[in-house]
Amino acid sequence: MKQLNVRLDDDAHQALAQRAEAAGMTLPDYARTVLAEEADERRHRFLTAAAHFSQAWGPAFEEEFGPYAARSTTRAQRDTAA
């Protein structure tokens, strides 16, 4: 396993710490997860294909099922409520 040292400004560090806490993770674990997901080529291909699908078929889904109602809760909030 490799080690990576990264310097962050205070705002970026605070934002990551808040997101880690909301996810119920330590800051190093959260940062490791975010970086691993960013480096995952399969994830990028999936997200690109999903965006294309959404653009191509979104209007048809909206016509059939109505507009998308965005959820405002985070995963941590849903897990806490369960």
Foldseek 3Di string as FASTA:
>chain_A
DDDDDDDDPPVVLVVLCVVCVLVVHHSVVSVVVVVVCVPDPVNVVVVVVVVVCCVVCVVVCCVVPNDDDDDPDDPSRVVVVD
